[in-house]
Amino acid sequence: MTYTYKTKGTCAGAIEIELNDDNIIENVRFIGGCKGNTQGISALVKGMKAEDVINRVSGIRCGFKPTSCPDQLSVALKQMLEEK
């Protein structure tokens, strides 16, 4: 399943996520944002269960913003799992 999530409150404008039938992340691609950081996040979560990523990155903030790219990834993954 491939999903595109339009982010809210971050420099990245969207996140493209590929999730397999076992809820394992196959690929994550951030559109925009801090390239090194978003590439790092993508590499670290590849091969992880969506639920584990949600538990690890949910609630992370970027400076004074109420969210971050990792937090928005958790929001997107939650929505993907609900739609499955």
PDB file of N, CA and C in Angstrom:
ATOM      1  N   MET A   1       0.849  -1.170   0.000  1.00  0.00           N
ATOM      2  CA  MET A   1       0.000   0.000   0.000  1.00  0.00           C
ATOM      3  C   MET A   1       0.898   1.238   0.000  1.00  0.00           C
ATOM      4  N   THR A   2       0.627   2.158  -0.894  1.00  0.00           N
ATOM      5  CA  THR A   2       1.357   3.423  -0.949  1.00  0.00           C
ATOM      6  C   THR A   2       0.398   4.540  -0.558  1.00  0.00           C
ATOM      7  N   TYR A   3       0.907   5.463   0.223  1.00  0.00           N
ATOM      8  CA  TYR A   3       0.076   6.516   0.790  1.00  0.00           C
ATOM      9  C   TYR A   3       0.847   7.823   0.721  1.00  0.00           C
ATOM     10  N   THR A   4       0.176   8.903   0.363  1.00  0.00           N
ATOM     11  CA  THR A   4       0.771  10.234   0.400  1.00  0.00           C
ATOM     12  C   THR A   4       0.000  11.056   1.420  1.00  0.00           C
ATOM     13  N   TYR A   5       0.744  11.595   2.365  1.00  0.00           N
ATOM     14  CA  TYR A   5       0.152  12.383   3.447  1.00  0.00           C
ATOM     15  C   TYR A   5       0.635  13.820   3.333  1.00  0.00           C
ATOM     16  N   LYS A   6      -0.285  14.774   3.306  1.00  0.00           N
ATOM     17  CA  LYS A   6       0.060  16.191   3.284  1.00  0.00           C
ATOM     18  C   LYS A   6       0.289  16.625   4.721  1.00  0.00           C
ATOM     19  N   THR A   7       1.516  17.025   5.029  1.00  0.00           N
ATOM     20  CA  THR A   7       1.880  17.371   6.395  1.00  0.00           C
ATOM     21  C   THR A   7       1.284  18.710   6.816  1.00  0.00           C
ATOM     22  N   LYS A   8       1.262  18.902   8.130  1.00  0.00           N
ATOM     23  CA  LYS A   8       0.751  20.152   8.703  1.00  0.00           C
ATOM     24  C   LYS A   8       1.778  20.667   9.711  1.00  0.00           C
ATOM     25  N   GLY A   9       2.240  21.906   9.532  1.00  0.00           N
ATOM     26  CA  GLY A   9       3.119  22.534  10.505  1.00  0.00           C
ATOM     27  C   GLY A   9       4.591  22.199  10.398  1.00  0.00           C
ATOM     28  N   THR A  10       5.017  21.624   9.273  1.00  0.00           N
ATOM     29  CA  THR A  10       6.437  21.297   9.092  1.00  0.00           C
ATOM     30  C   THR A  10       6.956  21.869   7.779  1.00  0.00           C
ATOM     31  N   CYS A  11       8.268  21.889   7.645  1.00  0.00           N
ATOM     32  CA  CYS A  11       8.896  22.354   6.406  1.00  0.00           C
ATOM     33  C   CYS A  11       8.613  21.396   5.248  1.00  0.00           C
ATOM     34  N   ALA A  12       8.571  20.099   5.552  1.00  0.00           N
ATOM     35  CA  ALA A  12       8.218  19.116   4.526  1.00  0.00           C
ATOM     36  C   ALA A  12       6.751  19.288   4.188  1.00  0.00           C
ATOM     37  N   GLY A  13       6.430  19.269   2.906  1.00  0.00           N
ATOM     38  CA  GLY A  13       5.050  19.474   2.476  1.00  0.00           C
ATOM     39  C   GLY A  13       4.222  18.208   2.422  1.00  0.00           C
ATOM     40  N   ALA A  14       4.902  17.053   2.287  1.00  0.00           N
ATOM     41  CA  ALA A  14       4.192  15.778   2.186  1.00  0.00           C
ATOM     42  C   ALA A  14       5.149  14.641   2.510  1.00  0.00           C
ATOM     43  N   ILE A  15       4.556  13.484   2.781  1.00  0.00           N
ATOM     44  CA  ILE A  15       5.327  12.267   3.028  1.00  0.00           C
ATOM     45  C   ILE A  15       4.702  11.159   2.198  1.00  0.00           C
ATOM     46  N   GLU A  16       5.543  10.447   1.426  1.00  0.00           N
ATOM     47  CA  GLU A  16       5.086   9.275   0.679  1.00  0.00           C
ATOM     48  C   GLU A  16       5.578   8.041   1.427  1.00  0.00           C
ATOM     49  N   ILE A  17       4.663   7.124   1.713  1.00  0.00           N
ATOM     50  CA  ILE A  17       4.990   5.947   2.504  1.00  0.00           C
ATOM     51  C   ILE A  17       4.526   4.690   1.775  1.00  0.00           C
ATOM     52  N   GLU A  18       5.400   3.689   1.748  1.00  0.00           N
ATOM     53  CA  GLU A  18       5.035   2.365   1.229  1.00  0.00           C
ATOM     54  C   GLU A  18       5.034   1.404   2.410  1.00  0.00           C
ATOM     55  N   LEU A  19       3.911   0.744   2.618  1.00  0.00           N
ATOM     56  CA  LEU A  19       3.725  -0.174   3.730  1.00  0.00           C
ATOM     57  C   LEU A  19       3.290  -1.522   3.159  1.00  0.00           C
ATOM     58  N   ASN A  20       3.922  -2.624   3.610  1.00  0.00           N
ATOM     59  CA  ASN A  20       3.506  -3.924   3.084  1.00  0.00           C
ATOM     60  C   ASN A  20       2.335  -4.486   3.893  1.00  0.00           C
ATOM     61  N   ASP A  21       1.892  -5.679   3.538  1.00  0.00           N
ATOM     62  CA  ASP A  21       0.706  -6.274   4.170  1.00  0.00           C
ATOM     63  C   ASP A  21       0.916  -6.584   5.651  1.00  0.00           C
ATOM     64  N   ASP A  22       2.169  -6.703   6.085  1.00  0.00           N
ATOM     65  CA  ASP A  22       2.477  -6.981   7.490  1.00  0.00           C
ATOM     66  C   ASP A  22       2.755  -5.705   8.276  1.00  0.00           C
ATOM     67  N   ASN A  23       2.400  -4.554   7.698  1.00  0.00           N
ATOM     68  CA  ASN A  23       2.617  -3.237   8.315  1.00  0.00           C
ATOM     69  C   ASN A  23       4.096  -2.908   8.519  1.00  0.00           C
ATOM     70  N   ILE A  24       4.933  -3.462   7.649  1.00  0.00           N
ATOM     71  CA  ILE A  24       6.361  -3.146   7.647  1.00  0.00           C
ATOM     72  C   ILE A  24       6.591  -2.028   6.642  1.00  0.00           C
ATOM     73  N   ILE A  25       7.369  -1.023   7.048  1.00  0.00           N
ATOM     74  CA  ILE A  25       7.650   0.113   6.172  1.00  0.00           C
ATOM     75  C   ILE A  25       8.675  -0.305   5.114  1.00  0.00           C
ATOM     76  N   GLU A  26       8.275  -0.198   3.870  1.00  0.00           N
ATOM     77  CA  GLU A  26       9.151  -0.522   2.741  1.00  0.00           C
ATOM     78  C   GLU A  26       9.956   0.698   2.309  1.00  0.00           C
ATOM     79  N   ASN A  27       9.328   1.874   2.357  1.00  0.00           N
ATOM     80  CA  ASN A  27       9.999   3.088   1.909  1.00  0.00           C
ATOM     81  C   ASN A  27       9.264   4.310   2.459  1.00  0.00           C
ATOM     82  N   VAL A  28      10.032   5.349   2.764  1.00  0.00           N
ATOM     83  CA  VAL A  28       9.473   6.638   3.174  1.00  0.00           C
ATOM     84  C   VAL A  28      10.222   7.720   2.419  1.00  0.00           C
ATOM     85  N   ARG A  29       9.486   8.669   1.873  1.00  0.00           N
ATOM     86  CA  ARG A  29      10.096   9.788   1.152  1.00  0.00           C
ATOM     87  C   ARG A  29       9.404  11.074   1.577  1.00  0.00           C
ATOM     88  N   PHE A  30      10.183  11.995   2.137  1.00  0.00           N
ATOM     89  CA  PHE A  30       9.658  13.302   2.514  1.00  0.00           C
ATOM     90  C   PHE A  30       9.802  14.242   1.316  1.00  0.00           C
ATOM     91  N   ILE A  31       8.773  15.034   1.053  1.00  0.00           N
ATOM     92  CA  ILE A  31       8.805  16.036  -0.008  1.00  0.00           C
ATOM     93  C   ILE A  31       9.089  17.375   0.680  1.00  0.00           C
ATOM     94  N   GLY A  32      10.299  17.888   0.489  1.00  0.00           N
ATOM     95  CA  GLY A  32      10.716  19.116   1.151  1.00  0.00           C
ATOM     96  C   GLY A  32      11.300  18.801   2.515  1.00  0.00           C
ATOM     97  N   GLY A  33      11.520  19.830   3.298  1.00  0.00           N
ATOM     98  CA  GLY A  33      12.089  19.650   4.625  1.00  0.00           C
ATOM     99  C   GLY A  33      13.610  19.663   4.595  1.00  0.00           C
ATOM    100  N   CYS A  34      14.207  19.408   5.727  1.00  0.00           N
ATOM    101  CA  CYS A  34      15.669  19.375   5.863  1.00  0.00           C
ATOM    102  C   CYS A  34      16.166  18.058   5.286  1.00  0.00           C
ATOM    103  N   LYS A  35      16.775  18.124   4.124  1.00  0.00           N
ATOM    104  CA  LYS A  35      17.093  16.919   3.354  1.00  0.00           C
ATOM    105  C   LYS A  35      17.869  15.862   4.139  1.00  0.00           C
ATOM    106  N   GLY A  36      18.912  16.269   4.846  1.00  0.00           N
ATOM    107  CA  GLY A  36      19.695  15.296   5.604  1.00  0.00           C
ATOM    108  C   GLY A  36      18.881  14.629   6.691  1.00  0.00           C
ATOM    109  N   ASN A  37      18.106  15.420   7.417  1.00  0.00           N
ATOM    110  CA  ASN A  37      17.292  14.865   8.497  1.00  0.00           C
ATOM    111  C   ASN A  37      16.200  13.939   7.970  1.00  0.00           C
ATOM    112  N   THR A  38      15.521  14.357   6.919  1.00  0.00           N
ATOM    113  CA  THR A  38      14.429  13.524   6.409  1.00  0.00           C
ATOM    114  C   THR A  38      14.958  12.253   5.757  1.00  0.00           C
ATOM    115  N   GLN A  39      16.128  12.327   5.111  1.00  0.00           N
ATOM    116  CA  GLN A  39      16.732  11.111   4.555  1.00  0.00           C
ATOM    117  C   GLN A  39      17.142  10.173   5.686  1.00  0.00           C
ATOM    118  N   GLY A  40      17.652  10.745   6.775  1.00  0.00           N
ATOM    119  CA  GLY A  40      18.031   9.936   7.925  1.00  0.00           C
ATOM    120  C   GLY A  40      16.844   9.232   8.544  1.00  0.00           C
ATOM    121  N   ILE A  41      15.757   9.961   8.728  1.00  0.00           N
ATOM    122  CA  ILE A  41      14.532   9.360   9.276  1.00  0.00           C
ATOM    123  C   ILE A  41      14.077   8.220   8.376  1.00  0.00           C
ATOM    124  N   SER A  42      14.053   8.469   7.077  1.00  0.00           N
ATOM    125  CA  SER A  42      13.604   7.458   6.122  1.00  0.00           C
ATOM    126  C   SER A  42      14.445   6.195   6.199  1.00  0.00           C
ATOM    127  N   ALA A  43      15.765   6.354   6.284  1.00  0.00           N
ATOM    128  CA  ALA A  43      16.661   5.201   6.360  1.00  0.00           C
ATOM    129  C   ALA A  43      16.471   4.435   7.669  1.00  0.00           C
ATOM    130  N   LEU A  44      16.271   5.157   8.762  1.00  0.00           N
ATOM    131  CA  LEU A  44      16.138   4.508  10.066  1.00  0.00           C
ATOM    132  C   LEU A  44      14.847   3.710  10.212  1.00  0.00           C
ATOM    133  N   VAL A  45      13.754   4.172   9.606  1.00  0.00           N
ATOM    134  CA  VAL A  45      12.472   3.488   9.787  1.00  0.00           C
ATOM    135  C   VAL A  45      12.223   2.387   8.763  1.00  0.00           C
ATOM    136  N   LYS A  46      13.005   2.342   7.710  1.00  0.00           N
ATOM    137  CA  LYS A  46      12.819   1.303   6.682  1.00  0.00           C
ATOM    138  C   LYS A  46      13.005  -0.071   7.316  1.00  0.00           C
ATOM    139  N   GLY A  47      12.034  -0.944   7.098  1.00  0.00           N
ATOM    140  CA  GLY A  47      12.077  -2.293   7.643  1.00  0.00           C
ATOM    141  C   GLY A  47      11.444  -2.426   9.019  1.00  0.00           C
ATOM    142  N   MET A  48      11.013  -1.316   9.609  1.00  0.00           N
ATOM    143  CA  MET A  48      10.375  -1.350  10.921  1.00  0.00           C
ATOM    144  C   MET A  48       8.864  -1.519  10.798  1.00  0.00           C
ATOM    145  N   LYS A  49       8.256  -2.072  11.845  1.00  0.00           N
ATOM    146  CA  LYS A  49       6.800  -2.145  11.899  1.00  0.00           C
ATOM    147  C   LYS A  49       6.259  -0.729  12.119  1.00  0.00           C
ATOM    148  N   ALA A  50       5.183  -0.405  11.455  1.00  0.00           N
ATOM    149  CA  ALA A  50       4.579   0.927  11.560  1.00  0.00           C
ATOM    150  C   ALA A  50       4.262   1.275  13.006  1.00  0.00           C
ATOM    151  N   GLU A  51       3.760   0.320  13.758  1.00  0.00           N
ATOM    152  CA  GLU A  51       3.388   0.556  15.147  1.00  0.00           C
ATOM    153  C   GLU A  51       4.601   0.956  15.996  1.00  0.00           C
ATOM    154  N   ASP A  52       5.757   0.333  15.720  1.00  0.00           N
ATOM    155  CA  ASP A  52       6.978   0.662  16.463  1.00  0.00           C
ATOM    156  C   ASP A  52       7.444   2.078  16.159  1.00  0.00           C
ATOM    157  N   VAL A  53       7.335   2.477  14.894  1.00  0.00           N
ATOM    158  CA  VAL A  53       7.729   3.832  14.505  1.00  0.00           C
ATOM    159  C   VAL A  53       6.807   4.846  15.176  1.00  0.00           C
ATOM    160  N   ILE A  54       5.521   4.570  15.180  1.00  0.00           N
ATOM    161  CA  ILE A  54       4.552   5.464  15.826  1.00  0.00           C
ATOM    162  C   ILE A  54       4.931   5.661  17.290  1.00  0.00           C
ATOM    163  N   ASN A  55       5.215   4.569  17.982  1.00  0.00           N
ATOM    164  CA  ASN A  55       5.563   4.642  19.406  1.00  0.00           C
ATOM    165  C   ASN A  55       6.845   5.425  19.653  1.00  0.00           C
ATOM    166  N   ARG A  56       7.782   5.369  18.735  1.00  0.00           N
ATOM    167  CA  ARG A  56       9.071   6.044  18.931  1.00  0.00           C
ATOM    168  C   ARG A  56       9.057   7.522  18.590  1.00  0.00           C
ATOM    169  N   VAL A  57       8.297   7.930  17.576  1.00  0.00           N
ATOM    170  CA  VAL A  57       8.430   9.309  17.086  1.00  0.00           C
ATOM    171  C   VAL A  57       7.221  10.203  17.347  1.00  0.00           C
ATOM    172  N   SER A  58       6.135   9.627  17.800  1.00  0.00           N
ATOM    173  CA  SER A  58       4.946  10.426  18.074  1.00  0.00           C
ATOM    174  C   SER A  58       5.229  11.441  19.172  1.00  0.00           C
ATOM    175  N   GLY A  59       4.850  12.688  18.921  1.00  0.00           N
ATOM    176  CA  GLY A  59       5.003  13.741  19.916  1.00  0.00           C
ATOM    177  C   GLY A  59       6.320  14.495  19.864  1.00  0.00           C
ATOM    178  N   ILE A  60       7.240  14.087  18.990  1.00  0.00           N
ATOM    179  CA  ILE A  60       8.504  14.824  18.858  1.00  0.00           C
ATOM    180  C   ILE A  60       8.205  16.201  18.283  1.00  0.00           C
ATOM    181  N   ARG A  61       8.821  17.212  18.860  1.00  0.00           N
ATOM    182  CA  ARG A  61       8.600  18.596  18.417  1.00  0.00           C
ATOM    183  C   ARG A  61       9.851  19.128  17.731  1.00  0.00           C
ATOM    184  N   CYS A  62       9.663  20.113  16.875  1.00  0.00           N
ATOM    185  CA  CYS A  62      10.762  20.792  16.197  1.00  0.00           C
ATOM    186  C   CYS A  62      10.822  22.219  16.738  1.00  0.00           C
ATOM    187  N   GLY A  63      11.784  22.477  17.619  1.00  0.00           N
ATOM    188  CA  GLY A  63      11.889  23.805  18.219  1.00  0.00           C
ATOM    189  C   GLY A  63      10.623  24.157  18.962  1.00  0.00           C
ATOM    190  N   PHE A  64      10.049  25.306  18.644  1.00  0.00           N
ATOM    191  CA  PHE A  64       8.833  25.754  19.310  1.00  0.00           C
ATOM    192  C   PHE A  64       7.566  25.298  18.590  1.00  0.00           C
ATOM    193  N   LYS A  65       7.724  24.579  17.479  1.00  0.00           N
ATOM    194  CA  LYS A  65       6.554  24.077  16.756  1.00  0.00           C
ATOM    195  C   LYS A  65       5.915  22.927  17.544  1.00  0.00           C
ATOM    196  N   PRO A  66       4.614  22.764  17.431  1.00  0.00           N
ATOM    197  CA  PRO A  66       3.954  21.681  18.170  1.00  0.00           C
ATOM    198  C   PRO A  66       4.124  20.304  17.524  1.00  0.00           C
ATOM    199  N   THR A  67       4.823  20.245  16.393  1.00  0.00           N
ATOM    200  CA  THR A  67       5.005  18.985  15.663  1.00  0.00           C
ATOM    201  C   THR A  67       6.386  18.983  15.028  1.00  0.00           C
ATOM    202  N   SER A  68       6.682  17.942  14.263  1.00  0.00           N
ATOM    203  CA  SER A  68       7.955  17.799  13.563  1.00  0.00           C
ATOM    204  C   SER A  68       7.753  16.826  12.410  1.00  0.00           C
ATOM    205  N   CYS A  69       8.761  16.662  11.575  1.00  0.00           N
ATOM    206  CA  CYS A  69       8.652  15.679  10.491  1.00  0.00           C
ATOM    207  C   CYS A  69       8.465  14.262  11.047  1.00  0.00           C
ATOM    208  N   PRO A  70       9.228  13.846  12.087  1.00  0.00           N
ATOM    209  CA  PRO A  70       8.971  12.515  12.636  1.00  0.00           C
ATOM    210  C   PRO A  70       7.555  12.383  13.218  1.00  0.00           C
ATOM    211  N   ASP A  71       7.084  13.407  13.902  1.00  0.00           N
ATOM    212  CA  ASP A  71       5.733  13.373  14.461  1.00  0.00           C
ATOM    213  C   ASP A  71       4.700  13.267  13.345  1.00  0.00           C
ATOM    214  N   GLN A  72       4.888  14.017  12.270  1.00  0.00           N
ATOM    215  CA  GLN A  72       3.959  13.950  11.142  1.00  0.00           C
ATOM    216  C   GLN A  72       3.995  12.573  10.491  1.00  0.00           C
ATOM    217  N   LEU A  73       5.158  11.924  10.492  1.00  0.00           N
ATOM    218  CA  LEU A  73       5.244  10.547   9.994  1.00  0.00           C
ATOM    219  C   LEU A  73       4.365   9.636  10.845  1.00  0.00           C
ATOM    220  N   SER A  74       4.383   9.822  12.156  1.00  0.00           N
ATOM    221  CA  SER A  74       3.545   8.994  13.027  1.00  0.00           C
ATOM    222  C   SER A  74       2.060   9.240  12.749  1.00  0.00           C
ATOM    223  N   VAL A  75       1.681  10.479  12.510  1.00  0.00           N
ATOM    224  CA  VAL A  75       0.285  10.807  12.178  1.00  0.00           C
ATOM    225  C   VAL A  75      -0.115  10.113  10.878  1.00  0.00           C
ATOM    226  N   ALA A  76       0.761  10.172   9.883  1.00  0.00           N
ATOM    227  CA  ALA A  76       0.478   9.534   8.590  1.00  0.00           C
ATOM    228  C   ALA A  76       0.340   8.024   8.750  1.00  0.00           C
ATOM    229  N   LEU A  77       1.235   7.412   9.518  1.00  0.00           N
ATOM    230  CA  LEU A  77       1.173   5.965   9.725  1.00  0.00           C
ATOM    231  C   LEU A  77      -0.107   5.560  10.456  1.00  0.00           C
ATOM    232  N   LYS A  78      -0.521   6.337  11.439  1.00  0.00           N
ATOM    233  CA  LYS A  78      -1.771   6.057  12.151  1.00  0.00           C
ATOM    234  C   LYS A  78      -2.944   6.066  11.171  1.00  0.00           C
ATOM    235  N   GLN A  79      -2.971   7.053  10.278  1.00  0.00           N
ATOM    236  CA  GLN A  79      -4.057   7.145   9.305  1.00  0.00           C
ATOM    237  C   GLN A  79      -4.022   5.960   8.347  1.00  0.00           C
ATOM    238  N   MET A  80      -2.810   5.568   7.931  1.00  0.00           N
ATOM    239  CA  MET A  80      -2.687   4.407   7.031  1.00  0.00           C
ATOM    240  C   MET A  80      -3.254   3.159   7.685  1.00  0.00           C
ATOM    241  N   LEU A  81      -2.885   2.933   8.942  1.00  0.00           N
ATOM    242  CA  LEU A  81      -3.345   1.732   9.633  1.00  0.00           C
ATOM    243  C   LEU A  81      -4.860   1.747   9.825  1.00  0.00           C
ATOM    244  N   GLU A  82      -5.426   2.921  10.080  1.00  0.00           N
ATOM    245  CA  GLU A  82      -6.885   3.022  10.235  1.00  0.00           C
ATOM    246  C   GLU A  82      -7.614   2.723   8.924  1.00  0.00           C
ATOM    247  N   GLU A  83      -6.991   3.082   7.793  1.00  0.00           N
ATOM    248  CA  GLU A  83      -7.627   2.880   6.490  1.00  0.00           C
ATOM    249  C   GLU A  83      -7.468   1.463   5.970  1.00  0.00           C
ATOM    250  N   LYS A  84      -6.558   0.701   6.552  1.00  0.00           N
ATOM    251  CA  LYS A  84      -6.326  -0.668   6.088  1.00  0.00           C
ATOM    252  C   LYS A  84      -7.485  -1.590   6.376  1.00  0.00           C
TER     253      LYS A  84
END
